[in-house]
Amino acid sequence: MKVKDIMKTKVITVSPEVSVARAAEIMREHKIGCLPVLENNRLVGIITSHDLRCTHPNRLVADAMTTSLITTHPDSTWQEAAELFVRHNIERLLIADNGRFTGILTRTDLLALLVYKVDPLTKLPKASYLIEKGTSLLASSLHVGMIFIDLDN
């Protein structure tokens, strides 16, 4: 499964010229913890609730936003995205294609997917995921071999 299959594409964004106070108001209105910052449809930063707390409300988003961005491509796998969440200890992952913002993936979104795909006790893929993956491989004319072992019984 690719990031583009699970990311949110309808995301509220803000420009760097907006005031920090206005960004805070938008985040409160929509009950969100961050706003991707776009300039001419290009991703230039992200402003989070933490950034808002550390900046005077009269400043511009450009002064408060984080510019060292951790992004991934929409065609990345969910496993690659999960690795970025862990490696960088982030809550949100921005999705971009050649600098153009395409969506966002939150840690919560990814955890919901993992509940479906990964057994919490063994950390191994669940049977439903293995069947889904096997079906996908067979559809692409690849040979597949699977062994299922029922550990409970």
Protein backbone atom coordinates (compact mmCIF):
# COMPACT_ATOMS: atom_id res chain seq x y z
CA MET A 1 0.00 0.00 0.00
CA LYS A 2 1.30 3.41 -0.98
CA VAL A 3 1.20 6.63 1.04
CA LYS A 4 -1.11 8.15 -1.59
CA ASP A 5 -3.71 5.51 -0.69
CA ILE A 6 -3.93 6.62 2.97
CA MET A 7 -2.87 10.28 3.07
CA LYS A 8 -5.30 13.15 3.51
CA THR A 9 -5.48 15.30 0.40
CA LYS A 10 -8.00 17.89 1.57
CA VAL A 11 -5.68 19.85 3.83
CA ILE A 12 -6.01 23.41 5.02
CA THR A 13 -2.86 25.37 4.24
CA VAL A 14 -1.57 28.85 4.91
CA SER A 15 0.82 31.26 3.20
CA PRO A 16 3.98 32.63 4.87
CA GLU A 17 2.54 36.19 4.88
CA VAL A 18 -0.33 35.30 7.22
CA SER A 19 0.00 36.38 10.84
CA VAL A 20 0.70 33.84 13.56
CA ALA A 21 -2.53 34.98 15.25
CA ARG A 22 -4.53 34.16 12.09
CA ALA A 23 -2.79 30.75 11.77
CA ALA A 24 -3.70 30.01 15.40
CA GLU A 25 -7.30 31.00 14.72
CA ILE A 26 -7.48 28.70 11.66
CA MET A 27 -6.03 25.80 13.66
CA ARG A 28 -8.52 26.36 16.49
CA GLU A 29 -11.48 26.62 14.08
CA HIS A 30 -10.63 23.36 12.36
CA LYS A 31 -9.24 21.57 15.43
CA ILE A 32 -5.94 20.76 13.73
CA GLY A 33 -2.39 20.76 15.07
CA CYS A 34 -0.52 22.10 12.06
CA LEU A 35 -0.76 23.97 8.80
CA PRO A 36 1.46 23.26 5.80
CA VAL A 37 2.86 26.54 4.50
CA LEU A 38 2.65 27.06 0.73
CA GLU A 39 4.09 29.79 -1.42
CA ASN A 40 3.08 29.73 -5.11
CA ASN A 41 1.75 26.20 -4.57
CA ARG A 42 5.18 25.06 -3.36
CA LEU A 43 5.73 23.60 0.10
CA VAL A 44 8.02 25.94 2.06
CA GLY A 45 7.33 25.01 5.68
CA ILE A 46 4.97 23.82 8.35
CA ILE A 47 3.62 25.68 11.35
CA THR A 48 2.57 23.61 14.35
CA SER A 49 0.81 24.39 17.60
CA HIS A 50 4.25 24.28 19.26
CA ASP A 51 5.54 26.95 16.86
CA LEU A 52 2.52 29.12 17.71
CA ARG A 53 3.18 28.92 21.45
CA CYS A 54 6.77 30.06 20.94
CA THR A 55 6.03 33.07 18.71
CA HIS A 56 4.35 36.43 19.27
CA PRO A 57 0.90 36.54 17.58
CA ASN A 58 1.82 39.67 15.57
CA ARG A 59 4.68 37.91 13.78
CA LEU A 60 4.27 36.32 10.36
CA VAL A 61 4.02 32.60 9.78
CA ALA A 62 7.29 32.93 7.81
CA ASP A 63 9.03 33.90 11.07
CA ALA A 64 7.62 30.98 13.08
CA MET A 65 7.35 28.08 10.64
CA THR A 66 9.67 25.11 10.55
CA THR A 67 11.56 25.02 7.26
CA SER A 68 13.59 21.84 7.73
CA LEU A 69 10.87 19.56 6.44
CA ILE A 70 10.58 15.82 6.59
CA THR A 71 8.64 14.75 3.52
CA THR A 72 8.00 11.68 1.48
CA HIS A 73 6.68 10.98 -1.99
CA PRO A 74 3.07 9.84 -2.57
CA ASP A 75 4.40 6.59 -4.09
CA SER A 76 6.37 5.69 -0.95
CA THR A 77 5.15 2.63 0.91
CA TRP A 78 3.41 2.86 4.27
CA GLN A 79 6.40 1.01 5.74
CA GLU A 80 8.78 3.73 4.52
CA ALA A 81 6.47 6.35 6.04
CA ALA A 82 6.37 4.45 9.34
CA GLU A 83 10.17 4.41 9.39
CA LEU A 84 10.24 8.21 8.98
CA PHE A 85 7.78 8.66 11.87
CA VAL A 86 9.98 6.57 14.14
CA ARG A 87 13.37 7.87 12.98
CA HIS A 88 12.40 11.54 13.30
CA ASN A 89 9.88 11.21 16.16
CA ILE A 90 7.27 13.24 14.28
CA GLU A 91 3.48 13.42 14.49
CA ARG A 92 2.84 14.50 10.89
CA LEU A 93 4.49 13.64 7.61
CA LEU A 94 4.14 16.00 4.67
CA ILE A 95 3.68 14.42 1.27
CA ALA A 96 5.21 16.21 -1.69
CA ASP A 97 5.93 15.47 -5.33
CA ASN A 98 8.79 17.57 -6.74
CA GLY A 99 8.21 20.25 -4.09
CA ARG A 100 4.47 20.41 -4.71
CA PHE A 101 2.42 19.63 -1.63
CA THR A 102 0.01 16.75 -2.23
CA GLY A 103 -1.16 15.74 1.24
CA ILE A 104 -0.40 14.88 4.83
CA LEU A 105 -0.17 11.66 6.81
CA THR A 106 -0.52 11.71 10.59
CA ARG A 107 0.82 9.22 13.07
CA THR A 108 -2.81 8.44 13.99
CA ASP A 109 -3.64 7.65 10.35
CA LEU A 110 -0.71 5.27 10.18
CA LEU A 111 -1.52 3.61 13.51
CA ALA A 112 -5.07 2.95 12.31
CA LEU A 113 -3.61 1.20 9.27
CA LEU A 114 -1.18 -0.80 11.40
CA VAL A 115 -4.01 -2.07 13.60
CA TYR A 116 -5.51 -3.57 10.46
CA LYS A 117 -2.23 -4.93 9.04
CA VAL A 118 0.02 -5.87 11.97
CA ASP A 119 -0.58 -8.17 14.93
CA PRO A 120 0.14 -6.11 18.07
CA LEU A 121 1.51 -9.08 20.01
CA THR A 122 3.89 -10.60 17.46
CA LYS A 123 4.45 -7.48 15.30
CA LEU A 124 4.00 -9.79 12.29
CA PRO A 125 1.65 -9.08 9.40
CA LYS A 126 -1.92 -10.24 9.97
CA ALA A 127 -3.36 -12.96 7.74
CA SER A 128 -5.70 -10.44 6.07
CA TYR A 129 -2.71 -8.33 5.03
CA LEU A 130 -0.79 -11.37 3.76
CA ILE A 131 -3.79 -12.42 1.68
CA GLU A 132 -4.13 -8.87 0.31
CA LYS A 133 -0.41 -8.76 -0.54
CA GLY A 134 -0.48 -12.26 -2.08
CA THR A 135 -3.46 -11.33 -4.23
CA SER A 136 -1.65 -8.20 -5.39
CA LEU A 137 1.48 -10.17 -6.27
CA LEU A 138 -0.53 -12.81 -8.13
CA ALA A 139 -2.34 -10.09 -10.08
CA SER A 140 1.05 -8.83 -11.27
CA SER A 141 1.94 -12.36 -12.47
CA LEU A 142 4.48 -13.03 -9.75
CA HIS A 143 4.80 -16.40 -8.06
CA VAL A 144 3.84 -16.43 -4.41
CA GLY A 145 4.36 -18.96 -1.65
CA MET A 146 2.84 -18.56 1.82
CA ILE A 147 2.80 -20.69 4.93
CA PHE A 148 0.25 -19.95 7.63
CA ILE A 149 0.85 -21.20 11.14
CA ASP A 150 -1.89 -20.78 13.73
CA LEU A 151 -0.04 -20.02 16.96
CA ASP A 152 -3.15 -19.96 19.16
CA ASN A 153 -4.30 -23.50 18.41
